[in-house]
Amino acid sequence: MEINVTAQNFEKVVLQSERPVLIDFWATWCPPCRMLGPVVAAIAEERDDILVCKVNSDENQALCMKFGVSSIPALFLLKDGKVLDSSVGYRDKNALLRWIDSVI
């Protein structure tokens, strides 16, 4: 299951997670984001070893600034509150899983 993250719940959800965290920064008007959404949702259902979060970039500008997001979709992998790696743009499910496994 994906968790919607905002500035209000970021610390509780992301920073206190005992699992690695995948954050998807997206927007409703972004076609690549809409393509990536089902891929991220499928990974959230299949992988219980990672916490999958979504951040609506239009509604959470402070988080976008915190992560330096200038293009979307933007994906970040975190562990223990630290960014391990990031990726911008669409990736198919296999490519995204390979990236996740290579980082964590």
N, C-alpha and C. Protein backbone atom coordinates (compact mmCIF):
# COMPACT_ATOMS: atom_id res chain seq x y z
N MET A 1 0.83 -1.18 0.00
CA MET A 1 0.00 0.00 0.00
C MET A 1 0.88 1.25 0.00
N GLU A 2 0.50 2.21 -0.81
CA GLU A 2 1.21 3.49 -0.85
C GLU A 2 0.68 4.40 0.25
N ILE A 3 1.55 5.21 0.79
CA ILE A 3 1.16 6.16 1.82
C ILE A 3 1.36 7.56 1.26
N ASN A 4 0.32 8.38 1.36
CA ASN A 4 0.44 9.78 0.94
C ASN A 4 1.18 10.54 2.02
N VAL A 5 2.26 11.21 1.62
CA VAL A 5 3.09 11.93 2.56
C VAL A 5 2.94 13.42 2.32
N THR A 6 2.84 14.16 3.41
CA THR A 6 2.77 15.61 3.39
C THR A 6 3.83 16.14 4.35
N ALA A 7 3.97 17.45 4.37
CA ALA A 7 4.92 18.05 5.32
C ALA A 7 4.52 17.72 6.75
N GLN A 8 3.20 17.57 6.98
CA GLN A 8 2.72 17.31 8.33
C GLN A 8 3.05 15.90 8.83
N ASN A 9 3.06 14.91 7.95
CA ASN A 9 3.32 13.54 8.42
C ASN A 9 4.67 12.99 7.97
N PHE A 10 5.48 13.81 7.32
CA PHE A 10 6.75 13.35 6.77
C PHE A 10 7.65 12.72 7.83
N GLU A 11 7.84 13.40 8.94
CA GLU A 11 8.74 12.89 9.97
C GLU A 11 8.25 11.56 10.52
N LYS A 12 6.97 11.48 10.84
CA LYS A 12 6.41 10.26 11.42
C LYS A 12 6.47 9.09 10.44
N VAL A 13 6.13 9.34 9.18
CA VAL A 13 6.05 8.26 8.20
C VAL A 13 7.43 7.90 7.65
N VAL A 14 8.16 8.88 7.17
CA VAL A 14 9.40 8.61 6.45
C VAL A 14 10.61 8.49 7.38
N LEU A 15 10.80 9.48 8.21
CA LEU A 15 12.01 9.51 9.03
C LEU A 15 12.02 8.46 10.13
N GLN A 16 10.85 8.01 10.55
CA GLN A 16 10.78 7.01 11.60
C GLN A 16 10.59 5.59 11.06
N SER A 17 10.63 5.43 9.74
CA SER A 17 10.45 4.10 9.15
C SER A 17 11.66 3.22 9.42
N GLU A 18 11.40 1.99 9.79
CA GLU A 18 12.49 1.03 9.98
C GLU A 18 12.87 0.36 8.66
N ARG A 19 12.02 0.53 7.65
CA ARG A 19 12.29 -0.03 6.32
C ARG A 19 12.84 1.05 5.40
N PRO A 20 13.55 0.66 4.35
CA PRO A 20 13.89 1.64 3.32
C PRO A 20 12.61 2.25 2.76
N VAL A 21 12.70 3.50 2.30
CA VAL A 21 11.53 4.22 1.82
C VAL A 21 11.73 4.65 0.37
N LEU A 22 10.74 4.38 -0.46
CA LEU A 22 10.69 4.88 -1.83
C LEU A 22 9.67 6.00 -1.85
N ILE A 23 10.10 7.21 -2.24
CA ILE A 23 9.19 8.35 -2.33
C ILE A 23 9.03 8.71 -3.80
N ASP A 24 7.77 8.82 -4.23
CA ASP A 24 7.42 9.22 -5.59
C ASP A 24 6.82 10.62 -5.54
N PHE A 25 7.56 11.61 -6.07
CA PHE A 25 7.03 12.97 -6.22
C PHE A 25 6.31 13.04 -7.55
N TRP A 26 5.05 13.44 -7.54
CA TRP A 26 4.22 13.39 -8.75
C TRP A 26 3.24 14.57 -8.76
N ALA A 27 2.51 14.70 -9.87
CA ALA A 27 1.44 15.69 -9.98
C ALA A 27 0.37 15.15 -10.92
N THR A 28 -0.86 15.57 -10.71
CA THR A 28 -1.97 15.06 -11.51
C THR A 28 -1.86 15.46 -12.98
N TRP A 29 -1.25 16.61 -13.28
CA TRP A 29 -1.16 17.12 -14.64
C TRP A 29 0.01 16.53 -15.43
N CYS A 30 0.81 15.68 -14.82
CA CYS A 30 2.06 15.18 -15.41
C CYS A 30 1.84 13.80 -16.06
N PRO A 31 1.85 13.72 -17.40
CA PRO A 31 1.64 12.41 -18.07
C PRO A 31 2.64 11.32 -17.65
N PRO A 32 3.95 11.60 -17.56
CA PRO A 32 4.85 10.53 -17.11
C PRO A 32 4.55 10.08 -15.67
N CYS A 33 4.06 11.01 -14.84
CA CYS A 33 3.68 10.65 -13.47
C CYS A 33 2.51 9.68 -13.49
N ARG A 34 1.54 9.96 -14.37
CA ARG A 34 0.37 9.08 -14.47
C ARG A 34 0.77 7.71 -15.00
N MET A 35 1.78 7.66 -15.85
CA MET A 35 2.27 6.36 -16.34
C MET A 35 3.00 5.61 -15.23
N LEU A 36 3.76 6.32 -14.43
CA LEU A 36 4.55 5.70 -13.38
C LEU A 36 3.70 5.28 -12.18
N GLY A 37 2.59 5.95 -11.96
CA GLY A 37 1.74 5.67 -10.81
C GLY A 37 1.37 4.21 -10.63
N PRO A 38 0.85 3.52 -11.68
CA PRO A 38 0.51 2.11 -11.53
C PRO A 38 1.73 1.22 -11.26
N VAL A 39 2.88 1.60 -11.79
CA VAL A 39 4.12 0.84 -11.55
C VAL A 39 4.48 0.93 -10.07
N VAL A 40 4.45 2.13 -9.53
CA VAL A 40 4.77 2.34 -8.12
C VAL A 40 3.74 1.62 -7.23
N ALA A 41 2.47 1.68 -7.63
CA ALA A 41 1.42 1.01 -6.86
C ALA A 41 1.63 -0.50 -6.84
N ALA A 42 2.03 -1.07 -7.97
CA ALA A 42 2.28 -2.52 -8.04
C ALA A 42 3.45 -2.90 -7.14
N ILE A 43 4.49 -2.09 -7.14
CA ILE A 43 5.64 -2.37 -6.29
C ILE A 43 5.24 -2.28 -4.82
N ALA A 44 4.40 -1.31 -4.49
CA ALA A 44 3.93 -1.17 -3.11
C ALA A 44 3.18 -2.42 -2.66
N GLU A 45 2.41 -3.02 -3.56
CA GLU A 45 1.66 -4.22 -3.21
C GLU A 45 2.55 -5.46 -3.09
N GLU A 46 3.60 -5.50 -3.90
CA GLU A 46 4.46 -6.70 -3.96
C GLU A 46 5.59 -6.71 -2.94
N ARG A 47 6.08 -5.54 -2.57
CA ARG A 47 7.28 -5.46 -1.75
C ARG A 47 6.96 -4.96 -0.35
N ASP A 48 6.97 -5.85 0.61
CA ASP A 48 6.72 -5.41 1.97
C ASP A 48 8.02 -5.07 2.71
N ASP A 49 9.15 -5.20 2.00
CA ASP A 49 10.43 -4.86 2.61
C ASP A 49 10.76 -3.38 2.45
N ILE A 50 9.96 -2.66 1.67
CA ILE A 50 10.15 -1.22 1.52
C ILE A 50 8.83 -0.51 1.77
N LEU A 51 8.91 0.72 2.23
CA LEU A 51 7.74 1.56 2.43
C LEU A 51 7.64 2.46 1.20
N VAL A 52 6.49 2.43 0.54
CA VAL A 52 6.29 3.23 -0.66
C VAL A 52 5.40 4.42 -0.34
N CYS A 53 5.92 5.61 -0.63
CA CYS A 53 5.21 6.85 -0.33
C CYS A 53 5.04 7.69 -1.59
N LYS A 54 3.98 8.48 -1.61
CA LYS A 54 3.72 9.39 -2.71
C LYS A 54 3.58 10.80 -2.15
N VAL A 55 4.19 11.76 -2.86
CA VAL A 55 4.10 13.16 -2.48
C VAL A 55 3.55 13.93 -3.68
N ASN A 56 2.38 14.55 -3.50
CA ASN A 56 1.82 15.40 -4.54
C ASN A 56 2.64 16.69 -4.54
N SER A 57 3.39 16.90 -5.61
CA SER A 57 4.33 18.03 -5.64
C SER A 57 3.61 19.38 -5.64
N ASP A 58 2.41 19.45 -6.21
CA ASP A 58 1.67 20.72 -6.20
C ASP A 58 1.21 21.11 -4.81
N GLU A 59 0.93 20.13 -3.98
CA GLU A 59 0.40 20.40 -2.65
C GLU A 59 1.47 20.41 -1.56
N ASN A 60 2.70 20.06 -1.92
CA ASN A 60 3.77 19.93 -0.92
C ASN A 60 5.07 20.56 -1.41
N GLN A 61 5.00 21.86 -1.69
CA GLN A 61 6.16 22.57 -2.20
C GLN A 61 7.34 22.56 -1.22
N ALA A 62 7.05 22.58 0.06
CA ALA A 62 8.14 22.57 1.05
C ALA A 62 8.95 21.27 0.95
N LEU A 63 8.28 20.15 0.76
CA LEU A 63 9.00 18.87 0.60
C LEU A 63 9.77 18.84 -0.71
N CYS A 64 9.19 19.41 -1.75
CA CYS A 64 9.90 19.48 -3.04
C CYS A 64 11.19 20.28 -2.88
N MET A 65 11.11 21.39 -2.17
CA MET A 65 12.30 22.21 -1.94
C MET A 65 13.32 21.46 -1.09
N LYS A 66 12.84 20.76 -0.07
CA LYS A 66 13.73 20.00 0.82
C LYS A 66 14.53 18.96 0.03
N PHE A 67 13.88 18.32 -0.96
CA PHE A 67 14.55 17.29 -1.75
C PHE A 67 15.15 17.83 -3.05
N GLY A 68 14.97 19.10 -3.33
CA GLY A 68 15.53 19.68 -4.54
C GLY A 68 14.85 19.19 -5.81
N VAL A 69 13.56 18.90 -5.72
CA VAL A 69 12.82 18.39 -6.87
C VAL A 69 12.57 19.53 -7.86
N SER A 70 13.08 19.36 -9.07
CA SER A 70 12.85 20.37 -10.12
C SER A 70 12.14 19.77 -11.32
N SER A 71 12.11 18.45 -11.41
CA SER A 71 11.41 17.74 -12.48
C SER A 71 10.69 16.55 -11.86
N ILE A 72 9.55 16.21 -12.45
CA ILE A 72 8.80 15.05 -11.96
C ILE A 72 8.44 14.16 -13.13
N PRO A 73 8.19 12.88 -12.90
CA PRO A 73 8.24 12.21 -11.62
C PRO A 73 9.67 12.10 -11.09
N ALA A 74 9.80 12.28 -9.81
CA ALA A 74 11.10 12.15 -9.15
C ALA A 74 10.97 11.09 -8.06
N LEU A 75 11.87 10.15 -8.07
CA LEU A 75 11.87 9.07 -7.09
C LEU A 75 13.10 9.19 -6.20
N PHE A 76 12.91 8.96 -4.93
CA PHE A 76 14.00 8.99 -3.96
C PHE A 76 13.96 7.71 -3.13
N LEU A 77 15.12 7.12 -2.90
CA LEU A 77 15.24 5.99 -1.99
C LEU A 77 15.97 6.46 -0.74
N LEU A 78 15.35 6.24 0.40
CA LEU A 78 15.92 6.64 1.68
C LEU A 78 16.06 5.45 2.60
N LYS A 79 17.05 5.52 3.45
CA LYS A 79 17.20 4.54 4.52
C LYS A 79 17.71 5.29 5.73
N ASP A 80 17.08 5.03 6.87
CA ASP A 80 17.43 5.73 8.11
C ASP A 80 17.38 7.24 7.94
N GLY A 81 16.42 7.72 7.13
CA GLY A 81 16.24 9.15 6.93
C GLY A 81 17.20 9.81 5.97
N LYS A 82 18.10 9.03 5.38
CA LYS A 82 19.11 9.58 4.46
C LYS A 82 18.81 9.15 3.03
N VAL A 83 18.96 10.09 2.09
CA VAL A 83 18.74 9.78 0.68
C VAL A 83 19.91 8.93 0.18
N LEU A 84 19.58 7.73 -0.34
CA LEU A 84 20.59 6.85 -0.90
C LEU A 84 20.80 7.12 -2.38
N ASP A 85 19.69 7.41 -3.09
CA ASP A 85 19.77 7.65 -4.54
C ASP A 85 18.45 8.28 -4.99
N SER A 86 18.49 8.84 -6.19
CA SER A 86 17.28 9.43 -6.76
C SER A 86 17.25 9.18 -8.26
N SER A 87 16.07 9.32 -8.82
CA SER A 87 15.86 9.08 -10.25
C SER A 87 14.75 10.01 -10.72
N VAL A 88 14.91 10.54 -11.93
CA VAL A 88 13.89 11.41 -12.51
C VAL A 88 13.39 10.79 -13.79
N GLY A 89 12.07 10.80 -13.98
CA GLY A 89 11.48 10.30 -15.21
C GLY A 89 10.86 8.93 -15.03
N TYR A 90 10.22 8.49 -16.10
CA TYR A 90 9.53 7.21 -16.09
C TYR A 90 10.52 6.05 -16.20
N ARG A 91 10.25 4.99 -15.49
CA ARG A 91 10.94 3.70 -15.62
C ARG A 91 9.88 2.62 -15.61
N ASP A 92 10.08 1.57 -16.42
CA ASP A 92 9.12 0.47 -16.34
C ASP A 92 9.38 -0.31 -15.05
N LYS A 93 8.49 -1.23 -14.74
CA LYS A 93 8.55 -1.93 -13.46
C LYS A 93 9.87 -2.69 -13.28
N ASN A 94 10.30 -3.41 -14.30
CA ASN A 94 11.55 -4.17 -14.16
C ASN A 94 12.74 -3.26 -13.93
N ALA A 95 12.81 -2.16 -14.65
CA ALA A 95 13.92 -1.22 -14.47
C ALA A 95 13.87 -0.59 -13.08
N LEU A 96 12.68 -0.27 -12.63
CA LEU A 96 12.54 0.33 -11.31
C LEU A 96 12.93 -0.66 -10.21
N LEU A 97 12.52 -1.89 -10.35
CA LEU A 97 12.91 -2.91 -9.35
C LEU A 97 14.42 -3.15 -9.35
N ARG A 98 15.03 -3.17 -10.52
CA ARG A 98 16.50 -3.33 -10.59
C ARG A 98 17.19 -2.17 -9.88
N TRP A 99 16.69 -0.96 -10.11
CA TRP A 99 17.27 0.22 -9.47
C TRP A 99 17.13 0.12 -7.95
N ILE A 100 15.94 -0.22 -7.48
CA ILE A 100 15.70 -0.33 -6.04
C ILE A 100 16.64 -1.38 -5.44
N ASP A 101 16.71 -2.55 -6.06
CA ASP A 101 17.54 -3.64 -5.52
C ASP A 101 19.03 -3.30 -5.56
N SER A 102 19.45 -2.51 -6.53
CA SER A 102 20.86 -2.15 -6.61
C SER A 102 21.25 -1.14 -5.55
N VAL A 103 20.27 -0.37 -5.08
CA VAL A 103 20.56 0.68 -4.10
C VAL A 103 20.41 0.18 -2.67
N ILE A 104 19.37 -0.60 -2.42
CA ILE A 104 19.15 -1.05 -1.04
C ILE A 104 19.70 -2.45 -0.89
